Structures are given as C-alpha cells and as structure tokens.
Amino acid sequence: MSSPLDQVRSILEPLVDQPVAQRLLSEASAMRDRTLRAQEAALGALNLPTAADLAKLERRLKSLTDAVARLDDHLDRLETRIRRLEQP
C-alpha cells in the first residue's frame, strides 16, 4: 500500500512535467526571490536586521564564546601551574 505522500507525488509528477507548470514554478521562485530582496531592503531602510544579519551575528557570537572558553581553560591551566610552582 502506498503512503499518502506517494499518492500525492504520483498525482503531481505528470503536472510538473508540463511546460506551463514549469513556467509557473519558475515564476513563483523568481517572485519569492524578489520578495526576499524587497523585504531585506525594507528592513535595511528601517535599520532593522535581516535573518541573514542575525545568522551572521549568531555565528560571530558563537565564535567569540568559543574563544572565551578556550581562554578560560588556558587561564585555569596557567593558574594550576603557578600554584604548583608556589608550593614548597
């Protein structure tokens, strides 16, 4: 027995092969791209971050957090070595 997804796929596959459907899909994709660019422009005009800006900031913060964690580990090791040297 086929799944509902397989049934939908079997109905849609012949339609997608039609030139009209391909053109509509292409136009829908182009419209989506134009909409995203317009949204980014509007957010930029309002001085608000886009999703891409937030993702970039998130990556930078993660990188900074990782660097601080490495520094903290290094300082802990250094502190341990200093304490050993201070012991008689």
C-alpha atoms as a PDB file:
ATOM      1  CA  MET A   1       0.000   0.000   0.000  1.00  0.00           C
ATOM      2  CA  SER A   2       1.400   3.418  -0.928  1.00  0.00           C
ATOM      3  CA  SER A   3       1.721   6.259   1.524  1.00  0.00           C
ATOM      4  CA  PRO A   4      -0.254   9.493   1.160  1.00  0.00           C
ATOM      5  CA  LEU A   5       2.977  11.210   0.107  1.00  0.00           C
ATOM      6  CA  ASP A   6       3.479   8.669  -2.674  1.00  0.00           C
ATOM      7  CA  GLN A   7      -0.108   9.210  -3.802  1.00  0.00           C
ATOM      8  CA  VAL A   8       0.353  12.980  -3.942  1.00  0.00           C
ATOM      9  CA  ARG A   9       3.659  12.526  -5.749  1.00  0.00           C
ATOM     10  CA  SER A  10       2.032  10.272  -8.373  1.00  0.00           C
ATOM     11  CA  ILE A  11      -0.621  12.935  -8.997  1.00  0.00           C
ATOM     12  CA  LEU A  12       1.790  15.870  -9.168  1.00  0.00           C
ATOM     13  CA  GLU A  13       4.655  14.355 -11.184  1.00  0.00           C
ATOM     14  CA  PRO A  14       2.802  14.415 -14.529  1.00  0.00           C
ATOM     15  CA  LEU A  15       1.718  18.004 -13.869  1.00  0.00           C
ATOM     16  CA  VAL A  16       5.247  19.222 -13.078  1.00  0.00           C
ATOM     17  CA  ASP A  17       6.465  17.883 -16.413  1.00  0.00           C
ATOM     18  CA  GLN A  18       4.102  20.221 -18.266  1.00  0.00           C
ATOM     19  CA  PRO A  19       5.727  23.397 -19.703  1.00  0.00           C
ATOM     20  CA  VAL A  20       3.024  25.597 -18.181  1.00  0.00           C
ATOM     21  CA  ALA A  21       3.651  24.143 -14.717  1.00  0.00           C
ATOM     22  CA  GLN A  22       7.408  24.559 -15.130  1.00  0.00           C
ATOM     23  CA  ARG A  23       6.923  28.190 -16.136  1.00  0.00           C
ATOM     24  CA  LEU A  24       4.637  28.800 -13.138  1.00  0.00           C
ATOM     25  CA  LEU A  25       7.155  27.208 -10.773  1.00  0.00           C
ATOM     26  CA  SER A  26       9.927  29.307 -12.265  1.00  0.00           C
ATOM     27  CA  GLU A  27       7.870  32.489 -11.934  1.00  0.00           C
ATOM     28  CA  ALA A  28       6.928  31.616  -8.349  1.00  0.00           C
ATOM     29  CA  SER A  29      10.584  31.093  -7.496  1.00  0.00           C
ATOM     30  CA  ALA A  30      11.545  34.408  -9.098  1.00  0.00           C
ATOM     31  CA  MET A  31       8.741  36.152  -7.210  1.00  0.00           C
ATOM     32  CA  ARG A  32       9.961  34.640  -3.962  1.00  0.00           C
ATOM     33  CA  ASP A  33      13.461  35.971  -4.656  1.00  0.00           C
ATOM     34  CA  ARG A  34      12.120  39.451  -5.456  1.00  0.00           C
ATOM     35  CA  THR A  35      10.003  39.395  -2.303  1.00  0.00           C
ATOM     36  CA  LEU A  36      13.003  38.464  -0.153  1.00  0.00           C
ATOM     37  CA  ARG A  37      15.099  41.242  -1.702  1.00  0.00           C
ATOM     38  CA  ALA A  38      12.276  43.744  -1.129  1.00  0.00           C
ATOM     39  CA  GLN A  39      11.911  42.577   2.468  1.00  0.00           C
ATOM     40  CA  GLU A  40      15.660  42.960   3.058  1.00  0.00           C
ATOM     41  CA  ALA A  41      15.589  46.435   1.502  1.00  0.00           C
ATOM     42  CA  ALA A  42      12.634  47.459   3.670  1.00  0.00           C
ATOM     43  CA  LEU A  43      14.311  46.165   6.811  1.00  0.00           C
ATOM     44  CA  GLY A  44      17.523  47.927   5.821  1.00  0.00           C
ATOM     45  CA  ALA A  45      15.638  51.192   5.295  1.00  0.00           C
ATOM     46  CA  LEU A  46      14.181  50.825   8.787  1.00  0.00           C
ATOM     47  CA  ASN A  47      17.652  49.983  10.131  1.00  0.00           C
ATOM     48  CA  LEU A  48      16.416  46.564  11.269  1.00  0.00           C
ATOM     49  CA  PRO A  49      18.445  43.369  10.901  1.00  0.00           C
ATOM     50  CA  THR A  50      17.510  40.722   8.361  1.00  0.00           C
ATOM     51  CA  ALA A  51      17.527  36.985   9.071  1.00  0.00           C
ATOM     52  CA  ALA A  52      20.901  36.813   7.327  1.00  0.00           C
ATOM     53  CA  ASP A  53      22.231  39.597   9.570  1.00  0.00           C
ATOM     54  CA  LEU A  54      21.035  37.754  12.664  1.00  0.00           C
ATOM     55  CA  ALA A  55      22.556  34.470  11.482  1.00  0.00           C
ATOM     56  CA  LYS A  56      25.883  36.231  10.876  1.00  0.00           C
ATOM     57  CA  LEU A  57      25.729  37.788  14.345  1.00  0.00           C
ATOM     58  CA  GLU A  58      24.917  34.393  15.854  1.00  0.00           C
ATOM     59  CA  ARG A  59      27.980  32.854  14.172  1.00  0.00           C
ATOM     60  CA  ARG A  60      30.186  35.677  15.426  1.00  0.00           C
ATOM     61  CA  LEU A  61      28.855  35.341  18.974  1.00  0.00           C
ATOM     62  CA  LYS A  62      29.440  31.594  18.924  1.00  0.00           C
ATOM     63  CA  SER A  63      32.983  32.156  17.713  1.00  0.00           C
ATOM     64  CA  LEU A  64      33.565  34.708  20.470  1.00  0.00           C
ATOM     65  CA  THR A  65      32.058  32.384  23.087  1.00  0.00           C
ATOM     66  CA  ASP A  66      34.335  29.555  21.932  1.00  0.00           C
ATOM     67  CA  ALA A  67      37.380  31.848  22.091  1.00  0.00           C
ATOM     68  CA  VAL A  68      36.495  32.982  25.614  1.00  0.00           C
ATOM     69  CA  ALA A  69      36.025  29.362  26.708  1.00  0.00           C
ATOM     70  CA  ARG A  70      39.458  28.447  25.299  1.00  0.00           C
ATOM     71  CA  LEU A  71      40.995  31.435  27.068  1.00  0.00           C
ATOM     72  CA  ASP A  72      39.300  30.440  30.323  1.00  0.00           C
ATOM     73  CA  ASP A  73      40.674  26.897  30.005  1.00  0.00           C
ATOM     74  CA  HIS A  74      44.140  28.245  29.295  1.00  0.00           C
ATOM     75  CA  LEU A  75      43.977  30.551  32.318  1.00  0.00           C
ATOM     76  CA  ASP A  76      42.859  27.645  34.512  1.00  0.00           C
ATOM     77  CA  ARG A  77      45.858  25.585  33.387  1.00  0.00           C
ATOM     78  CA  LEU A  78      48.169  28.542  33.923  1.00  0.00           C
ATOM     79  CA  GLU A  79      46.769  29.114  37.403  1.00  0.00           C
ATOM     80  CA  THR A  80      47.306  25.441  38.258  1.00  0.00           C
ATOM     81  CA  ARG A  81      50.934  25.620  37.084  1.00  0.00           C
ATOM     82  CA  ILE A  82      51.568  28.789  39.108  1.00  0.00           C
ATOM     83  CA  ARG A  83      50.128  27.178  42.250  1.00  0.00           C
ATOM     84  CA  ARG A  84      52.382  24.161  41.763  1.00  0.00           C
ATOM     85  CA  LEU A  85      55.415  26.430  41.450  1.00  0.00           C
ATOM     86  CA  GLU A  86      54.425  28.303  44.619  1.00  0.00           C
ATOM     87  CA  GLN A  87      54.287  25.118  46.699  1.00  0.00           C
ATOM     88  CA  PRO A  88      57.461  24.347  48.705  1.00  0.00           C
END
